[in-house]
Amino acid sequence: MKALILAAGYATRLRPLTDSVPKQLLPVGGRPMVDWILDKIREAGIADVHLVTNGRFADDFARWGAGAGVHVHDDGTTTNETRLGAIGDIRFVQEHADFDDDLLVIAGDNLFDYSLTDYIRFWGEKSGASAVAVYDVGDRELAKKYGIVDVDQDDRIVGFIEKPTDPPSTLSATATYLYARRHAALVDTYLNEGNPPDQPGHFIGWLYQREPVYAYRIEGGWYDVGDAGQLLEADNRLRALAGLPLRNSYFLD
């Protein structure tokens, strides 16, 4: 299995912090945000780790990747308007690296407490299916910001709506996916059909109608760091775990 961290967005909602520092390298709990994700990947025993970024921040990630043992891919884009999108970036790496394998895909701003080892074990019991980690956000207004899944009694996904105006539930897809090898290969088919290249949940919404995809229910802390409030909340949670003093506002160390 290979792991791919998505870090090619431009984080416009966090400007001016992200004018000079990519969101995934902003310090959270005293460390770059992406370090916490890499810890989880390494704990799960995945040695072959890749990260895709954009041309604007490629040098920053190259320096980080050299010390972390991560393969960094520059998708060549330089603006938010020309970005490839998360699914487009998956295909970019598939075309430029030996990626014919089972694949763990994680957004580089997706922080969580649960064990990837347990998630992979759950996925492995599904015999060639794919899986997405899901979290009950417990609030229908908040659910409007996420992809909402519907599952059967075996937790197989039978419905998916991306950012619904009227969420049928609060069971939200998180940006952590496990794709069986043959399912990962379908990214090219998905994009060639003209489907949206951004928001990785769109691929799940397409895939579950063709192949088995299961929901893995997670518990504990989960943060999809998109704005300043979520950044501060995640920072303070991880600062507490690291024994660091909490802060009333976020600022670069």
C-alpha atoms as a PDB file:
ATOM      1  CA  MET A   1       0.000   0.000   0.000  1.00  0.00           C
ATOM      2  CA  LYS A   2       1.045   3.552  -0.747  1.00  0.00           C
ATOM      3  CA  ALA A   3      -0.079   6.735   0.988  1.00  0.00           C
ATOM      4  CA  LEU A   4      -0.770  10.070  -0.697  1.00  0.00           C
ATOM      5  CA  ILE A   5      -1.189  13.323   1.220  1.00  0.00           C
ATOM      6  CA  LEU A   6      -3.105  16.028  -0.654  1.00  0.00           C
ATOM      7  CA  ALA A   7      -1.539  19.451  -0.162  1.00  0.00           C
ATOM      8  CA  ALA A   8      -1.942  21.326  -3.448  1.00  0.00           C
ATOM      9  CA  GLY A   9      -4.694  23.765  -2.454  1.00  0.00           C
ATOM     10  CA  TYR A  10      -4.163  27.451  -1.758  1.00  0.00           C
ATOM     11  CA  ALA A  11      -6.107  27.825   1.534  1.00  0.00           C
ATOM     12  CA  THR A  12      -7.612  31.195   0.609  1.00  0.00           C
ATOM     13  CA  ARG A  13      -9.772  31.272   3.760  1.00  0.00           C
ATOM     14  CA  LEU A  14      -6.626  31.360   5.911  1.00  0.00           C
ATOM     15  CA  ARG A  15      -4.979  34.317   4.225  1.00  0.00           C
ATOM     16  CA  PRO A  16      -2.771  36.153   5.086  1.00  0.00           C
ATOM     17  CA  LEU A  17      -1.277  33.215   7.043  1.00  0.00           C
ATOM     18  CA  THR A  18      -1.085  31.136   3.868  1.00  0.00           C
ATOM     19  CA  ASP A  19       0.348  33.862   1.644  1.00  0.00           C
ATOM     20  CA  SER A  20       3.855  32.700   2.530  1.00  0.00           C
ATOM     21  CA  VAL A  21       3.357  29.356   4.321  1.00  0.00           C
ATOM     22  CA  PRO A  22       1.280  26.444   2.965  1.00  0.00           C
ATOM     23  CA  LYS A  23      -1.554  25.485   5.304  1.00  0.00           C
ATOM     24  CA  GLN A  24      -0.186  21.986   5.867  1.00  0.00           C
ATOM     25  CA  LEU A  25       3.110  23.409   7.174  1.00  0.00           C
ATOM     26  CA  LEU A  26       1.479  25.830   9.600  1.00  0.00           C
ATOM     27  CA  PRO A  27       2.429  24.891  13.168  1.00  0.00           C
ATOM     28  CA  VAL A  28      -0.272  23.051  15.105  1.00  0.00           C
ATOM     29  CA  GLY A  29       0.557  21.839  18.583  1.00  0.00           C
ATOM     30  CA  GLY A  30       4.119  23.065  18.084  1.00  0.00           C
ATOM     31  CA  ARG A  31       4.718  21.061  14.872  1.00  0.00           C
ATOM     32  CA  PRO A  32       3.830  21.395  11.195  1.00  0.00           C
ATOM     33  CA  MET A  33       0.237  20.222  10.725  1.00  0.00           C
ATOM     34  CA  VAL A  34       1.256  17.543   8.237  1.00  0.00           C
ATOM     35  CA  ASP A  35       3.669  15.974  10.749  1.00  0.00           C
ATOM     36  CA  TRP A  36       0.730  14.731  12.822  1.00  0.00           C
ATOM     37  CA  ILE A  37      -0.745  13.037   9.749  1.00  0.00           C
ATOM     38  CA  LEU A  38       2.587  11.484   8.832  1.00  0.00           C
ATOM     39  CA  ASP A  39       2.876  10.057  12.361  1.00  0.00           C
ATOM     40  CA  LYS A  40      -0.447   8.253  11.861  1.00  0.00           C
ATOM     41  CA  ILE A  41       0.652   6.899   8.480  1.00  0.00           C
ATOM     42  CA  ARG A  42       3.959   5.625   9.854  1.00  0.00           C
ATOM     43  CA  GLU A  43       2.227   4.046  12.858  1.00  0.00           C
ATOM     44  CA  ALA A  44       0.124   2.057  10.373  1.00  0.00           C
ATOM     45  CA  GLY A  45       3.302   0.636   8.850  1.00  0.00           C
ATOM     46  CA  ILE A  46       3.118   2.401   5.476  1.00  0.00           C
ATOM     47  CA  ALA A  47       6.640   3.188   4.316  1.00  0.00           C
ATOM     48  CA  ASP A  48       5.965   4.531   0.799  1.00  0.00           C
ATOM     49  CA  VAL A  49       4.504   7.999   1.428  1.00  0.00           C
ATOM     50  CA  HIS A  50       3.908  10.693  -1.191  1.00  0.00           C
ATOM     51  CA  LEU A  51       2.670  14.280  -1.037  1.00  0.00           C
ATOM     52  CA  VAL A  52       1.338  16.363  -3.909  1.00  0.00           C
ATOM     53  CA  THR A  53       1.601  20.145  -3.786  1.00  0.00           C
ATOM     54  CA  ASN A  54       1.593  23.103  -6.158  1.00  0.00           C
ATOM     55  CA  GLY A  55       4.373  25.037  -7.827  1.00  0.00           C
ATOM     56  CA  ARG A  56       4.036  27.912  -5.399  1.00  0.00           C
ATOM     57  CA  PHE A  57       4.967  25.851  -2.348  1.00  0.00           C
ATOM     58  CA  ALA A  58       6.911  22.993  -3.920  1.00  0.00           C
ATOM     59  CA  ASP A  59      10.262  24.150  -2.526  1.00  0.00           C
ATOM     60  CA  ASP A  60       8.881  24.396   1.011  1.00  0.00           C
ATOM     61  CA  PHE A  61       7.532  20.861   0.850  1.00  0.00           C
ATOM     62  CA  ALA A  62      10.681  19.552  -0.828  1.00  0.00           C
ATOM     63  CA  ARG A  63      12.700  20.725   2.182  1.00  0.00           C
ATOM     64  CA  TRP A  64      10.174  19.175   4.563  1.00  0.00           C
ATOM     65  CA  GLY A  65       9.977  15.948   2.557  1.00  0.00           C
ATOM     66  CA  ALA A  66      13.750  15.517   2.486  1.00  0.00           C
ATOM     67  CA  GLY A  67      13.820  15.334   6.266  1.00  0.00           C
ATOM     68  CA  ALA A  68      10.627  13.310   6.580  1.00  0.00           C
ATOM     69  CA  GLY A  69      11.374  10.672   3.953  1.00  0.00           C
ATOM     70  CA  VAL A  70       8.361  11.647   1.834  1.00  0.00           C
ATOM     71  CA  HIS A  71       8.254  11.821  -1.975  1.00  0.00           C
ATOM     72  CA  VAL A  72       7.019  15.292  -2.987  1.00  0.00           C
ATOM     73  CA  HIS A  73       5.282  15.932  -6.327  1.00  0.00           C
ATOM     74  CA  ASP A  74       4.826  19.417  -7.818  1.00  0.00           C
ATOM     75  CA  ASP A  75       1.649  19.597  -9.921  1.00  0.00           C
ATOM     76  CA  GLY A  76       2.931  22.755 -11.631  1.00  0.00           C
ATOM     77  CA  THR A  77       0.009  25.049 -10.794  1.00  0.00           C
ATOM     78  CA  THR A  78       0.639  28.477  -9.268  1.00  0.00           C
ATOM     79  CA  THR A  79      -2.811  29.959  -8.567  1.00  0.00           C
ATOM     80  CA  ASN A  80      -6.093  28.940  -7.001  1.00  0.00           C
ATOM     81  CA  GLU A  81      -7.771  29.471 -10.355  1.00  0.00           C
ATOM     82  CA  THR A  82      -5.521  27.012 -12.198  1.00  0.00           C
ATOM     83  CA  ARG A  83      -5.387  24.268  -9.541  1.00  0.00           C
ATOM     84  CA  LEU A  84      -5.986  20.698 -10.681  1.00  0.00           C
ATOM     85  CA  GLY A  85      -8.351  19.859  -7.823  1.00  0.00           C
ATOM     86  CA  ALA A  86      -7.902  17.029  -5.332  1.00  0.00           C
ATOM     87  CA  ILE A  87      -9.005  14.269  -7.715  1.00  0.00           C
ATOM     88  CA  GLY A  88      -6.996  15.825 -10.529  1.00  0.00           C
ATOM     89  CA  ASP A  89      -3.953  15.734  -8.267  1.00  0.00           C
ATOM     90  CA  ILE A  90      -4.468  12.046  -7.528  1.00  0.00           C
ATOM     91  CA  ARG A  91      -4.383  11.357 -11.276  1.00  0.00           C
ATOM     92  CA  PHE A  92      -1.336  13.626 -11.655  1.00  0.00           C
ATOM     93  CA  VAL A  93       0.640  11.518  -9.174  1.00  0.00           C
ATOM     94  CA  GLN A  94      -0.643   8.277 -10.694  1.00  0.00           C
ATOM     95  CA  GLU A  95       0.703   9.431 -14.063  1.00  0.00           C
ATOM     96  CA  HIS A  96       4.074  10.569 -12.726  1.00  0.00           C
ATOM     97  CA  ALA A  97       4.876   7.805 -10.227  1.00  0.00           C
ATOM     98  CA  ASP A  98       4.524   4.033  -9.902  1.00  0.00           C
ATOM     99  CA  PHE A  99       1.127   4.143  -8.244  1.00  0.00           C
ATOM    100  CA  ASP A 100      -0.463   0.859  -9.321  1.00  0.00           C
ATOM    101  CA  ASP A 101      -1.245  -0.258  -5.782  1.00  0.00           C
ATOM    102  CA  ASP A 102      -3.794  -0.057  -2.989  1.00  0.00           C
ATOM    103  CA  LEU A 103      -3.912   3.579  -1.949  1.00  0.00           C
ATOM    104  CA  LEU A 104      -4.484   5.557   1.240  1.00  0.00           C
ATOM    105  CA  VAL A 105      -5.398   9.166   0.432  1.00  0.00           C
ATOM    106  CA  ILE A 106      -5.520  11.821   3.166  1.00  0.00           C
ATOM    107  CA  ALA A 107      -6.081  15.560   2.894  1.00  0.00           C
ATOM    108  CA  GLY A 108      -3.147  17.368   4.465  1.00  0.00           C
ATOM    109  CA  ASP A 109      -5.440  19.464   6.671  1.00  0.00           C
ATOM    110  CA  ASN A 110      -7.361  16.484   8.085  1.00  0.00           C
ATOM    111  CA  LEU A 111      -6.332  15.953  11.721  1.00  0.00           C
ATOM    112  CA  PHE A 112      -7.679  13.058  13.777  1.00  0.00           C
ATOM    113  CA  ASP A 113      -7.142  10.891  16.843  1.00  0.00           C
ATOM    114  CA  TYR A 114      -8.203   7.474  15.575  1.00  0.00           C
ATOM    115  CA  SER A 115      -5.816   4.731  14.508  1.00  0.00           C
ATOM    116  CA  LEU A 116      -5.184   4.199  10.808  1.00  0.00           C
ATOM    117  CA  THR A 117      -4.091   0.676  11.711  1.00  0.00           C
ATOM    118  CA  ASP A 118      -7.636  -0.112  12.870  1.00  0.00           C
ATOM    119  CA  TYR A 119      -9.095   1.559   9.777  1.00  0.00           C
ATOM    120  CA  ILE A 120      -6.877  -0.477   7.467  1.00  0.00           C
ATOM    121  CA  ARG A 121      -7.836  -3.657   9.312  1.00  0.00           C
ATOM    122  CA  PHE A 122     -11.540  -2.834   8.809  1.00  0.00           C
ATOM    123  CA  TRP A 123     -10.939  -2.141   5.124  1.00  0.00           C
ATOM    124  CA  GLY A 124      -8.905  -5.325   4.678  1.00  0.00           C
ATOM    125  CA  GLU A 125     -11.850  -7.406   5.883  1.00  0.00           C
ATOM    126  CA  LYS A 126     -13.999  -6.099   3.002  1.00  0.00           C
ATOM    127  CA  SER A 127     -12.276  -8.169   0.295  1.00  0.00           C
ATOM    128  CA  GLY A 128     -11.306  -5.715  -2.431  1.00  0.00           C
ATOM    129  CA  ALA A 129     -13.708  -2.912  -1.532  1.00  0.00           C
ATOM    130  CA  SER A 130     -12.822   0.716  -0.841  1.00  0.00           C
ATOM    131  CA  ALA A 131     -13.629   2.698   2.291  1.00  0.00           C
ATOM    132  CA  VAL A 132     -14.056   6.214   3.614  1.00  0.00           C
ATOM    133  CA  ALA A 133     -13.705   7.324   7.224  1.00  0.00           C
ATOM    134  CA  VAL A 134     -16.949   8.919   8.459  1.00  0.00           C
ATOM    135  CA  TYR A 135     -17.708  11.060  11.500  1.00  0.00           C
ATOM    136  CA  ASP A 136     -21.046  12.043  12.996  1.00  0.00           C
ATOM    137  CA  VAL A 137     -20.784  15.828  13.314  1.00  0.00           C
ATOM    138  CA  GLY A 138     -24.076  15.864  15.251  1.00  0.00           C
ATOM    139  CA  ASP A 139     -25.372  19.111  13.745  1.00  0.00           C
ATOM    140  CA  ARG A 140     -27.327  19.496  10.508  1.00  0.00           C
ATOM    141  CA  GLU A 141     -26.086  23.033   9.878  1.00  0.00           C
ATOM    142  CA  LEU A 142     -22.503  21.829  10.185  1.00  0.00           C
ATOM    143  CA  ALA A 143     -23.332  18.828   7.992  1.00  0.00           C
ATOM    144  CA  LYS A 144     -24.046  21.216   5.095  1.00  0.00           C
ATOM    145  CA  LYS A 145     -20.288  21.748   4.811  1.00  0.00           C
ATOM    146  CA  TYR A 146     -19.449  18.078   4.217  1.00  0.00           C
ATOM    147  CA  GLY A 147     -20.258  15.072   2.085  1.00  0.00           C
ATOM    148  CA  ILE A 148     -23.068  13.146   3.806  1.00  0.00           C
ATOM    149  CA  VAL A 149     -23.268   9.375   3.492  1.00  0.00           C
ATOM    150  CA  ASP A 150     -26.101   6.883   3.864  1.00  0.00           C
ATOM    151  CA  VAL A 151     -25.211   3.287   4.755  1.00  0.00           C
ATOM    152  CA  ASP A 152     -26.924  -0.089   5.010  1.00  0.00           C
ATOM    153  CA  GLN A 153     -26.810  -2.445   8.013  1.00  0.00           C
ATOM    154  CA  ASP A 154     -23.305  -3.581   7.023  1.00  0.00           C
ATOM    155  CA  ASP A 155     -22.022   0.019   6.696  1.00  0.00           C
ATOM    156  CA  ARG A 156     -21.814  -0.256   2.927  1.00  0.00           C
ATOM    157  CA  ILE A 157     -22.438   3.162   1.390  1.00  0.00           C
ATOM    158  CA  VAL A 158     -25.771   3.343  -0.433  1.00  0.00           C
ATOM    159  CA  GLY A 159     -26.044   7.127  -0.764  1.00  0.00           C
ATOM    160  CA  PHE A 160     -23.764  10.148  -0.908  1.00  0.00           C
ATOM    161  CA  ILE A 161     -24.519  13.889  -1.189  1.00  0.00           C
ATOM    162  CA  GLU A 162     -21.769  16.507  -1.363  1.00  0.00           C
ATOM    163  CA  LYS A 163     -22.522  19.599   0.786  1.00  0.00           C
ATOM    164  CA  PRO A 164     -26.328  19.217   0.781  1.00  0.00           C
ATOM    165  CA  THR A 165     -28.583  22.202   1.497  1.00  0.00           C
ATOM    166  CA  ASP A 166     -30.880  19.883   3.467  1.00  0.00           C
ATOM    167  CA  PRO A 167     -28.719  17.107   4.963  1.00  0.00           C
ATOM    168  CA  PRO A 168     -30.589  13.817   5.440  1.00  0.00           C
ATOM    169  CA  SER A 169     -28.261  12.953   8.329  1.00  0.00           C
ATOM    170  CA  THR A 170     -25.126  14.174  10.087  1.00  0.00           C
ATOM    171  CA  LEU A 171     -22.862  11.233   9.136  1.00  0.00           C
ATOM    172  CA  SER A 172     -20.094  13.050   7.308  1.00  0.00           C
ATOM    173  CA  ALA A 173     -17.318  11.758   5.075  1.00  0.00           C
ATOM    174  CA  THR A 174     -13.857  12.831   6.169  1.00  0.00           C
ATOM    175  CA  ALA A 175     -11.027  13.282   3.719  1.00  0.00           C
ATOM    176  CA  THR A 176      -9.373   9.942   4.500  1.00  0.00           C
ATOM    177  CA  TYR A 177      -9.902   7.234   1.886  1.00  0.00           C
ATOM    178  CA  LEU A 178      -8.722   3.686   1.326  1.00  0.00           C
ATOM    179  CA  TYR A 179      -8.929   2.626  -2.313  1.00  0.00           C
ATOM    180  CA  ALA A 180      -8.486  -0.914  -3.518  1.00  0.00           C
ATOM    181  CA  ARG A 181      -5.957  -1.034  -6.333  1.00  0.00           C
ATOM    182  CA  ARG A 182      -8.509  -1.529  -9.104  1.00  0.00           C
ATOM    183  CA  HIS A 183     -10.706   1.253  -7.714  1.00  0.00           C
ATOM    184  CA  ALA A 184      -7.820   3.726  -7.557  1.00  0.00           C
ATOM    185  CA  ALA A 185      -7.229   3.020 -11.241  1.00  0.00           C
ATOM    186  CA  LEU A 186     -10.755   4.302 -11.977  1.00  0.00           C
ATOM    187  CA  VAL A 187      -9.804   7.913 -11.168  1.00  0.00           C
ATOM    188  CA  ASP A 188      -8.831   8.365 -14.815  1.00  0.00           C
ATOM    189  CA  THR A 189     -12.192   7.022 -16.001  1.00  0.00           C
ATOM    190  CA  TYR A 190     -14.019   9.299 -13.570  1.00  0.00           C
ATOM    191  CA  LEU A 191     -12.222  12.411 -14.829  1.00  0.00           C
ATOM    192  CA  ASN A 192     -12.451  11.449 -18.503  1.00  0.00           C
ATOM    193  CA  GLU A 193     -16.225  11.352 -18.095  1.00  0.00           C
ATOM    194  CA  GLY A 194     -16.111  15.064 -17.235  1.00  0.00           C
ATOM    195  CA  ASN A 195     -16.834  14.733 -13.531  1.00  0.00           C
ATOM    196  CA  PRO A 196     -15.693  17.420 -11.017  1.00  0.00           C
ATOM    197  CA  PRO A 197     -11.922  17.298 -10.377  1.00  0.00           C
ATOM    198  CA  ASP A 198     -12.111  18.926  -6.946  1.00  0.00           C
ATOM    199  CA  GLN A 199     -13.635  17.792  -3.635  1.00  0.00           C
ATOM    200  CA  PRO A 200     -12.390  14.183  -3.284  1.00  0.00           C
ATOM    201  CA  GLY A 201     -15.786  13.092  -1.976  1.00  0.00           C
ATOM    202  CA  HIS A 202     -17.193  13.449  -5.488  1.00  0.00           C
ATOM    203  CA  PHE A 203     -15.177  10.399  -6.513  1.00  0.00           C
ATOM    204  CA  ILE A 204     -16.710   8.402  -3.637  1.00  0.00           C
ATOM    205  CA  GLY A 205     -20.161   9.535  -4.786  1.00  0.00           C
ATOM    206  CA  TRP A 206     -19.375   8.166  -8.241  1.00  0.00           C
ATOM    207  CA  LEU A 207     -17.560   5.020  -7.112  1.00  0.00           C
ATOM    208  CA  TYR A 208     -20.126   3.637  -4.662  1.00  0.00           C
ATOM    209  CA  GLN A 209     -22.665   3.361  -7.503  1.00  0.00           C
ATOM    210  CA  ARG A 210     -20.292   1.039  -9.365  1.00  0.00           C
ATOM    211  CA  GLU A 211     -18.225  -0.766  -6.759  1.00  0.00           C
ATOM    212  CA  PRO A 212     -18.508  -1.644  -3.035  1.00  0.00           C
ATOM    213  CA  VAL A 213     -17.470   1.226  -0.751  1.00  0.00           C
ATOM    214  CA  TYR A 214     -17.766   1.023   3.043  1.00  0.00           C
ATOM    215  CA  ALA A 215     -17.994   3.630   5.790  1.00  0.00           C
ATOM    216  CA  TYR A 216     -15.575   3.342   8.699  1.00  0.00           C
ATOM    217  CA  ARG A 217     -17.013   5.155  11.726  1.00  0.00           C
ATOM    218  CA  ILE A 218     -14.438   7.142  13.676  1.00  0.00           C
ATOM    219  CA  GLU A 219     -14.522   8.529  17.209  1.00  0.00           C
ATOM    220  CA  GLY A 220     -12.419  11.016  19.121  1.00  0.00           C
ATOM    221  CA  GLY A 221     -11.103  14.309  17.846  1.00  0.00           C
ATOM    222  CA  TRP A 222     -11.373  15.182  14.159  1.00  0.00           C
ATOM    223  CA  TYR A 223     -10.571  18.524  12.555  1.00  0.00           C
ATOM    224  CA  ASP A 224     -11.013  19.568   8.958  1.00  0.00           C
ATOM    225  CA  VAL A 225      -8.919  22.733   9.188  1.00  0.00           C
ATOM    226  CA  GLY A 226     -10.462  25.201   6.765  1.00  0.00           C
ATOM    227  CA  ASP A 227     -10.714  28.509   8.589  1.00  0.00           C
ATOM    228  CA  ALA A 228      -9.072  30.425  11.434  1.00  0.00           C
ATOM    229  CA  GLY A 229     -11.478  29.144  14.088  1.00  0.00           C
ATOM    230  CA  GLN A 230     -10.846  25.495  13.198  1.00  0.00           C
ATOM    231  CA  LEU A 231      -7.109  26.163  13.063  1.00  0.00           C
ATOM    232  CA  LEU A 232      -7.088  27.623  16.586  1.00  0.00           C
ATOM    233  CA  GLU A 233      -9.238  24.774  17.928  1.00  0.00           C
ATOM    234  CA  ALA A 234      -6.946  22.127  16.434  1.00  0.00           C
ATOM    235  CA  ASP A 235      -3.850  23.989  17.608  1.00  0.00           C
ATOM    236  CA  ASN A 236      -5.074  24.139  21.200  1.00  0.00           C
ATOM    237  CA  ARG A 237      -6.164  20.494  21.261  1.00  0.00           C
ATOM    238  CA  LEU A 238      -2.753  19.339  20.086  1.00  0.00           C
ATOM    239  CA  ARG A 239      -0.940  21.875  22.271  1.00  0.00           C
ATOM    240  CA  ALA A 240      -2.748  20.337  25.248  1.00  0.00           C
ATOM    241  CA  LEU A 241      -1.615  16.860  24.186  1.00  0.00           C
ATOM    242  CA  ALA A 242       1.956  18.150  23.840  1.00  0.00           C
ATOM    243  CA  GLY A 243       1.881  19.880  27.243  1.00  0.00           C
ATOM    244  CA  LEU A 244       2.060  23.364  25.732  1.00  0.00           C
ATOM    245  CA  PRO A 245       0.097  26.395  26.987  1.00  0.00           C
ATOM    246  CA  LEU A 246      -3.192  27.103  25.214  1.00  0.00           C
ATOM    247  CA  ARG A 247      -3.681  30.284  23.174  1.00  0.00           C
ATOM    248  CA  ASN A 248      -6.560  32.731  22.708  1.00  0.00           C
ATOM    249  CA  SER A 249      -5.593  33.467  19.118  1.00  0.00           C
ATOM    250  CA  TYR A 250      -3.510  31.829  16.425  1.00  0.00           C
ATOM    251  CA  PHE A 251      -0.169  33.290  15.423  1.00  0.00           C
ATOM    252  CA  LEU A 252       2.943  31.898  13.808  1.00  0.00           C
ATOM    253  CA  ASP A 253       5.603  30.862  16.318  1.00  0.00           C
END
